[in-house]
Amino acid sequence: MPAVVELELVRRRSGPATLLVPTGWDVLVDVEPGTPLVAVEPDRQSWRANLVLTRTELEGLSFRDWQVGTDELLARTLHDYRLLDLERLTVAGRDGGRRLAHHVTAEGVAVVLEQWCVAVGAVGWALTSTVDVERHDLLTDVAAACAASLEIEDGAR
């Protein structure tokens, strides 16, 4: 089994959110409404791993209802979606959750999706790591370190 990838991480900020991302990854901020940050690994000959930070106005939904809706949406919109694990844990210093899932991209690449979610006030935040199945074990610690570094200012809108 290949060794886990050790990447140097650098702190990035987008609005009220800050997190560590791998040095050398392409980082875009305010990509579109609801997507404050996207980090994509440097050019590769094959599929590129990525981290995507999203924010969702919860419009009165509880954290649980938001996550149930997310599970339903992912199952409807991602090809061959399979939820592998779902757990409650601390995200950005608050009660949150993590899901681990598998799906197949439009290009036919089997990928692992790992997502950390938290509600801050009336806003739901999700950090999603997506990597091809063959390299998931190599990059899982990097994604977890990025997720563990996530900070969101109180009162963030």
Protein backbone atom coordinates (compact mmCIF):
# COMPACT_ATOMS: atom_id res chain seq x y z
CA MET A 1 0.00 0.00 0.00
CA PRO A 2 1.43 3.43 -0.93
CA ALA A 3 2.26 5.91 1.79
CA VAL A 4 -0.21 8.60 2.76
CA VAL A 5 0.46 11.88 0.95
CA GLU A 6 1.96 14.59 3.15
CA LEU A 7 1.08 18.03 1.79
CA GLU A 8 1.97 21.38 3.26
CA LEU A 9 -1.19 23.32 4.04
CA VAL A 10 -1.82 27.05 3.79
CA ARG A 11 -4.62 29.05 5.45
CA ARG A 12 -7.21 30.54 3.07
CA ARG A 13 -10.08 32.87 3.90
CA SER A 14 -13.37 33.43 2.11
CA GLY A 15 -15.76 35.74 3.90
CA PRO A 16 -16.41 34.47 7.42
CA ALA A 17 -14.81 31.08 6.72
CA THR A 18 -11.14 30.13 6.94
CA LEU A 19 -9.51 26.76 6.43
CA LEU A 20 -6.26 25.13 5.46
CA VAL A 21 -5.86 23.93 1.87
CA PRO A 22 -2.92 22.12 0.28
CA THR A 23 -0.16 24.43 -0.92
CA GLY A 24 0.01 24.45 -4.69
CA TRP A 25 -3.64 23.59 -5.23
CA ASP A 26 -5.59 26.00 -7.43
CA VAL A 27 -7.87 28.04 -5.16
CA LEU A 28 -10.85 30.04 -6.34
CA VAL A 29 -12.94 32.20 -4.01
CA ASP A 30 -16.54 33.33 -4.48
CA VAL A 31 -16.92 30.95 -7.41
CA GLU A 32 -20.68 31.44 -7.51
CA PRO A 33 -23.39 32.29 -5.00
CA GLY A 34 -23.27 29.65 -2.27
CA THR A 35 -19.75 28.47 -3.16
CA PRO A 36 -17.23 30.65 -1.33
CA LEU A 37 -14.16 28.46 -1.98
CA VAL A 38 -12.98 25.71 -4.32
CA ALA A 39 -9.51 24.13 -4.16
CA VAL A 40 -8.40 21.73 -6.91
CA GLU A 41 -5.18 19.73 -6.96
CA PRO A 42 -2.64 20.76 -9.60
CA ASP A 43 -2.87 19.41 -13.15
CA ARG A 44 -2.74 15.64 -13.39
CA GLN A 45 -3.12 13.24 -16.27
CA SER A 46 -6.16 11.77 -14.54
CA TRP A 47 -9.07 13.07 -12.49
CA ARG A 48 -8.20 15.88 -10.00
CA ALA A 49 -9.17 15.78 -6.33
CA ASN A 50 -10.93 18.84 -4.95
CA LEU A 51 -12.28 20.57 -1.87
CA VAL A 52 -15.46 22.64 -2.15
CA LEU A 53 -16.83 24.87 0.60
CA THR A 54 -20.52 25.71 0.24
CA ARG A 55 -23.01 27.73 2.24
CA THR A 56 -26.77 27.28 2.26
CA GLU A 57 -29.43 29.49 3.77
CA LEU A 58 -31.35 27.07 5.99
CA GLU A 59 -34.62 29.04 5.84
CA GLY A 60 -35.81 27.65 9.18
CA LEU A 61 -34.64 24.06 8.65
CA SER A 62 -33.05 22.29 11.57
CA PHE A 63 -29.58 20.78 11.08
CA ARG A 64 -31.15 17.32 10.96
CA ASP A 65 -33.74 18.30 8.33
CA TRP A 66 -31.05 19.99 6.22
CA GLN A 67 -28.93 16.83 6.32
CA VAL A 68 -31.86 14.51 5.53
CA GLY A 69 -32.62 16.72 2.53
CA THR A 70 -28.96 16.65 1.52
CA ASP A 71 -28.94 12.84 1.62
CA GLU A 72 -32.05 12.76 -0.58
CA LEU A 73 -30.58 15.29 -3.03
CA LEU A 74 -27.27 13.44 -3.34
CA ALA A 75 -29.05 10.13 -3.97
CA ARG A 76 -31.18 11.75 -6.72
CA THR A 77 -28.44 13.72 -8.46
CA LEU A 78 -25.25 11.62 -8.28
CA HIS A 79 -24.87 8.52 -10.43
CA ASP A 80 -24.46 5.26 -8.51
CA TYR A 81 -24.53 7.14 -5.19
CA ARG A 82 -23.93 4.99 -2.12
CA LEU A 83 -23.85 6.37 1.41
CA LEU A 84 -21.10 4.53 3.31
CA ASP A 85 -21.03 6.29 6.68
CA LEU A 86 -22.84 9.10 8.46
CA GLU A 87 -21.81 10.37 11.88
CA ARG A 88 -22.30 13.28 14.25
CA LEU A 89 -19.11 15.09 15.26
CA THR A 90 -17.69 18.52 15.94
CA VAL A 91 -17.15 20.71 12.86
CA ALA A 92 -15.76 24.24 13.14
CA GLY A 93 -16.11 23.98 16.94
CA ARG A 94 -19.85 23.17 16.82
CA ASP A 95 -22.09 20.12 16.67
CA GLY A 96 -22.06 18.93 13.09
CA GLY A 97 -21.73 15.84 10.98
CA ARG A 98 -19.70 13.93 8.43
CA ARG A 99 -20.81 11.73 5.57
CA LEU A 100 -18.72 9.36 3.50
CA ALA A 101 -20.12 8.24 0.16
CA HIS A 102 -19.24 6.83 -3.23
CA HIS A 103 -20.51 7.84 -6.67
CA VAL A 104 -19.48 7.82 -10.31
CA THR A 105 -18.81 11.10 -12.14
CA ALA A 106 -20.27 12.00 -15.54
CA GLU A 107 -16.85 11.02 -16.98
CA GLY A 108 -17.18 7.55 -15.46
CA VAL A 109 -14.65 8.04 -12.65
CA ALA A 110 -15.45 6.25 -9.38
CA VAL A 111 -14.94 8.76 -6.55
CA VAL A 112 -15.21 9.00 -2.80
CA LEU A 113 -17.05 12.00 -1.38
CA GLU A 114 -16.35 13.01 2.19
CA GLN A 115 -18.36 15.91 3.57
CA TRP A 116 -18.26 17.79 6.87
CA CYS A 117 -21.37 19.88 7.67
CA VAL A 118 -22.28 22.41 10.33
CA ALA A 119 -25.00 24.99 10.92
CA VAL A 120 -23.92 28.43 12.08
CA GLY A 121 -26.97 30.48 12.87
CA ALA A 122 -29.29 30.31 9.84
CA VAL A 123 -26.53 29.16 7.47
CA GLY A 124 -25.47 25.62 6.72
CA TRP A 125 -21.81 25.14 5.77
CA ALA A 126 -20.40 22.05 4.04
CA LEU A 127 -16.82 21.22 3.15
CA THR A 128 -16.77 18.45 0.56
CA SER A 129 -13.68 16.51 -0.46
CA THR A 130 -13.90 14.44 -3.63
CA VAL A 131 -11.11 12.14 -4.78
CA ASP A 132 -10.90 9.17 -7.14
CA VAL A 133 -11.29 5.83 -5.39
CA GLU A 134 -7.73 4.70 -6.19
CA ARG A 135 -6.20 7.64 -4.29
CA HIS A 136 -8.71 8.08 -1.47
CA ASP A 137 -6.48 6.37 1.10
CA LEU A 138 -3.60 8.62 0.04
CA LEU A 139 -5.50 11.90 0.48
CA THR A 140 -7.92 11.11 3.30
CA ASP A 141 -5.65 12.54 6.02
CA VAL A 142 -5.12 15.72 3.98
CA ALA A 143 -8.88 16.20 3.61
CA ALA A 144 -9.43 15.52 7.31
CA ALA A 145 -6.76 18.08 8.25
CA CYS A 146 -8.46 20.68 6.04
CA ALA A 147 -11.84 19.89 7.61
CA ALA A 148 -10.39 20.04 11.13
CA SER A 149 -9.02 23.51 10.38
CA LEU A 150 -12.38 24.97 9.28
CA GLU A 151 -13.38 28.07 11.25
CA ILE A 152 -16.53 30.10 10.73
CA GLU A 153 -17.08 33.41 12.48
CA ASP A 154 -20.15 33.62 14.69
CA GLY A 155 -22.99 35.61 13.17
CA ALA A 156 -21.72 34.70 9.68
CA ARG A 157 -24.17 35.44 6.88
